[in-house]
C-alpha atoms as a PDB file:
ATOM      1  CA  MET A   1       1.799  24.387   0.895  1.00  0.00           C
ATOM      2  CA  ALA A   2       4.659  22.581   2.638  1.00  0.00           C
ATOM      3  CA  VAL A   3       2.415  21.363   5.448  1.00  0.00           C
ATOM      4  CA  PRO A   4       0.345  18.846   3.391  1.00  0.00           C
ATOM      5  CA  PHE A   5       3.450  17.581   1.610  1.00  0.00           C
ATOM      6  CA  SER A   6       5.325  16.995   4.875  1.00  0.00           C
ATOM      7  CA  ALA A   7       2.277  15.263   6.336  1.00  0.00           C
ATOM      8  CA  ALA A   8       2.117  12.996   3.284  1.00  0.00           C
ATOM      9  CA  SER A   9       5.849  12.312   3.555  1.00  0.00           C
ATOM     10  CA  ALA A  10       5.448  11.376   7.215  1.00  0.00           C
ATOM     11  CA  ALA A  11       2.560   9.052   6.357  1.00  0.00           C
ATOM     12  CA  TYR A  12       4.602   7.359   3.636  1.00  0.00           C
ATOM     13  CA  GLY A  13       7.519   7.015   6.041  1.00  0.00           C
ATOM     14  CA  GLN A  14       5.287   5.310   8.589  1.00  0.00           C
ATOM     15  CA  ALA A  15       3.898   3.021   5.886  1.00  0.00           C
ATOM     16  CA  GLN A  16       7.434   2.063   4.851  1.00  0.00           C
ATOM     17  CA  LYS A  17       8.288   1.221   8.477  1.00  0.00           C
ATOM     18  CA  LEU A  18       5.146  -0.901   8.702  1.00  0.00           C
ATOM     19  CA  ILE A  19       5.997  -2.642   5.457  1.00  0.00           C
ATOM     20  CA  SER A  20       9.557  -3.421   6.471  1.00  0.00           C
ATOM     21  CA  GLY A  21       8.382  -4.990   9.737  1.00  0.00           C
ATOM     22  CA  THR A  22       5.607  -7.190   8.311  1.00  0.00           C
ATOM     23  CA  THR A  23       7.547 -10.004   6.696  1.00  0.00           C
ATOM     24  CA  GLY A  24       8.743 -11.792   9.825  1.00  0.00           C
ATOM     25  CA  LEU A  25      11.463 -13.466   7.747  1.00  0.00           C
ATOM     26  CA  SER A  26      15.121 -12.733   8.359  1.00  0.00           C
ATOM     27  CA  ASN A  27      15.587 -12.508   4.604  1.00  0.00           C
ATOM     28  CA  PRO A  28      12.581 -11.119   2.671  1.00  0.00           C
ATOM     29  CA  ALA A  29      13.674 -13.046  -0.446  1.00  0.00           C
ATOM     30  CA  GLU A  30      13.596 -16.304   1.561  1.00  0.00           C
ATOM     31  CA  LYS A  31      11.009 -18.755   0.235  1.00  0.00           C
ATOM     32  CA  PRO A  32       8.498 -20.441   2.557  1.00  0.00           C
ATOM     33  CA  THR A  33       8.929 -24.153   3.137  1.00  0.00           C
ATOM     34  CA  ALA A  34       5.280 -25.057   2.413  1.00  0.00           C
ATOM     35  CA  GLY A  35       5.725 -24.572  -1.329  1.00  0.00           C
ATOM     36  CA  GLY A  36       2.970 -21.980  -1.727  1.00  0.00           C
ATOM     37  CA  PRO A  37       3.330 -18.259  -2.247  1.00  0.00           C
ATOM     38  CA  ASP A  38       4.519 -16.316   0.788  1.00  0.00           C
ATOM     39  CA  PHE A  39       1.527 -14.364   2.132  1.00  0.00           C
ATOM     40  CA  ALA A  40       3.732 -11.816   3.903  1.00  0.00           C
ATOM     41  CA  ALA A  41       5.580 -11.105   0.658  1.00  0.00           C
ATOM     42  CA  LEU A  42       2.277 -10.648  -1.178  1.00  0.00           C
ATOM     43  CA  VAL A  43       1.060  -8.198   1.466  1.00  0.00           C
ATOM     44  CA  ASN A  44       4.406  -6.404   1.357  1.00  0.00           C
ATOM     45  CA  GLU A  45       4.199  -6.027  -2.435  1.00  0.00           C
ATOM     46  CA  SER A  46       0.625  -4.743  -2.195  1.00  0.00           C
ATOM     47  CA  LEU A  47       1.525  -2.150   0.421  1.00  0.00           C
ATOM     48  CA  ASN A  48       4.544  -1.056  -1.596  1.00  0.00           C
ATOM     49  CA  SER A  49       2.389  -0.580  -4.690  1.00  0.00           C
ATOM     50  CA  VAL A  50      -0.111   1.544  -2.747  1.00  0.00           C
ATOM     51  CA  VAL A  51       2.691   3.677  -1.288  1.00  0.00           C
ATOM     52  CA  GLU A  52       4.251   4.148  -4.737  1.00  0.00           C
ATOM     53  CA  ALA A  53       0.865   5.079  -6.241  1.00  0.00           C
ATOM     54  CA  GLY A  54       0.424   7.654  -3.472  1.00  0.00           C
ATOM     55  CA  LYS A  55       3.850   9.129  -4.120  1.00  0.00           C
ATOM     56  CA  THR A  56       3.072   9.335  -7.826  1.00  0.00           C
ATOM     57  CA  SER A  57      -0.210  11.153  -7.219  1.00  0.00           C
ATOM     58  CA  ASP A  58       1.469  13.562  -4.787  1.00  0.00           C
ATOM     59  CA  LYS A  59       4.155  14.306  -7.357  1.00  0.00           C
ATOM     60  CA  ALA A  60       1.533  14.869 -10.075  1.00  0.00           C
ATOM     61  CA  GLY A  61      -0.402  17.201  -7.768  1.00  0.00           C
ATOM     62  CA  LEU A  62       2.667  19.235  -6.924  1.00  0.00           C
ATOM     63  CA  GLU A  63       3.614  19.454 -10.608  1.00  0.00           C
ATOM     64  CA  MET A  64       0.124  20.694 -11.454  1.00  0.00           C
ATOM     65  CA  ILE A  65       0.232  23.287  -8.677  1.00  0.00           C
ATOM     66  CA  SER A  66       3.580  24.558  -9.915  1.00  0.00           C
ATOM     67  CA  GLY A  67       2.219  24.756 -13.481  1.00  0.00           C
ATOM     68  CA  LYS A  68       4.411  21.977 -14.892  1.00  0.00           C
ATOM     69  CA  GLY A  69       1.828  19.183 -14.966  1.00  0.00           C
ATOM     70  CA  SER A  70      -1.555  18.664 -16.516  1.00  0.00           C
ATOM     71  CA  VAL A  71      -4.893  18.127 -14.854  1.00  0.00           C
ATOM     72  CA  VAL A  72      -5.370  14.867 -16.758  1.00  0.00           C
ATOM     73  CA  ASP A  73      -2.114  13.424 -15.370  1.00  0.00           C
ATOM     74  CA  MET A  74      -3.062  14.402 -11.836  1.00  0.00           C
ATOM     75  CA  VAL A  75      -6.595  12.992 -12.075  1.00  0.00           C
ATOM     76  CA  THR A  76      -5.229   9.746 -13.561  1.00  0.00           C
ATOM     77  CA  ALA A  77      -2.641   9.396 -10.786  1.00  0.00           C
ATOM     78  CA  VAL A  78      -5.225  10.095  -8.069  1.00  0.00           C
ATOM     79  CA  SER A  79      -7.632   7.579  -9.629  1.00  0.00           C
ATOM     80  CA  GLU A  80      -4.913   4.918  -9.720  1.00  0.00           C
ATOM     81  CA  THR A  81      -4.119   5.582  -6.071  1.00  0.00           C
ATOM     82  CA  GLU A  82      -7.794   5.376  -5.146  1.00  0.00           C
ATOM     83  CA  LEU A  83      -8.156   2.058  -6.970  1.00  0.00           C
ATOM     84  CA  ALA A  84      -5.056   0.652  -5.257  1.00  0.00           C
ATOM     85  CA  MET A  85      -6.361   1.718  -1.844  1.00  0.00           C
ATOM     86  CA  GLN A  86      -9.799   0.221  -2.504  1.00  0.00           C
ATOM     87  CA  SER A  87      -8.194  -3.061  -3.586  1.00  0.00           C
ATOM     88  CA  LEU A  88      -6.024  -3.156  -0.482  1.00  0.00           C
ATOM     89  CA  VAL A  89      -8.992  -2.456   1.793  1.00  0.00           C
ATOM     90  CA  THR A  90     -11.016  -5.185   0.060  1.00  0.00           C
ATOM     91  CA  VAL A  91      -8.222  -7.719   0.604  1.00  0.00           C
ATOM     92  CA  ARG A  92      -7.915  -6.624   4.235  1.00  0.00           C
ATOM     93  CA  ASP A  93     -11.649  -7.100   4.758  1.00  0.00           C
ATOM     94  CA  LYS A  94     -11.520 -10.580   3.206  1.00  0.00           C
ATOM     95  CA  VAL A  95      -8.580 -11.577   5.429  1.00  0.00           C
ATOM     96  CA  ILE A  96     -10.408 -10.364   8.538  1.00  0.00           C
ATOM     97  CA  SER A  97     -13.545 -12.193   7.454  1.00  0.00           C
ATOM     98  CA  ALA A  98     -11.582 -15.417   6.924  1.00  0.00           C
ATOM     99  CA  TYR A  99      -9.934 -15.038  10.331  1.00  0.00           C
ATOM    100  CA  GLU A 100     -13.301 -14.526  12.013  1.00  0.00           C
ATOM    101  CA  GLU A 101     -14.682 -17.588  10.234  1.00  0.00           C
ATOM    102  CA  ILE A 102     -11.733 -19.694  11.426  1.00  0.00           C
ATOM    103  CA  MET A 103     -12.237 -18.454  14.980  1.00  0.00           C
ATOM    104  CA  ARG A 104     -15.907 -19.574  14.845  1.00  0.00           C
ATOM    105  CA  MET A 105     -14.970 -23.121  13.875  1.00  0.00           C
ATOM    106  CA  PRO A 106     -15.427 -25.734  16.616  1.00  0.00           C
ATOM    107  CA  ILE A 107     -12.305 -27.463  17.818  1.00  0.00           C
END
């Protein structure tokens, strides 16, 4: 059973590396000069929430396998992770669509 857990840990580690490299700011707490919300920080928070939801569902699954957790807790955690992933994919699709629309604009 250690193989799936180590694969999940490796995937979370890669996601954390991706998250830490996405901001482009020397200080992640640094505010943008335009006055609006920092898009990179919003993406970073979203990715962190998905990673945390995944860790929670993995923990619930391992607890259920070992007999310490309940099926309801595991199903709830997996559902929350699925919802977070679907939300993230939807935002990604909208960003790509907006980028493609900008690229089609005449100069």
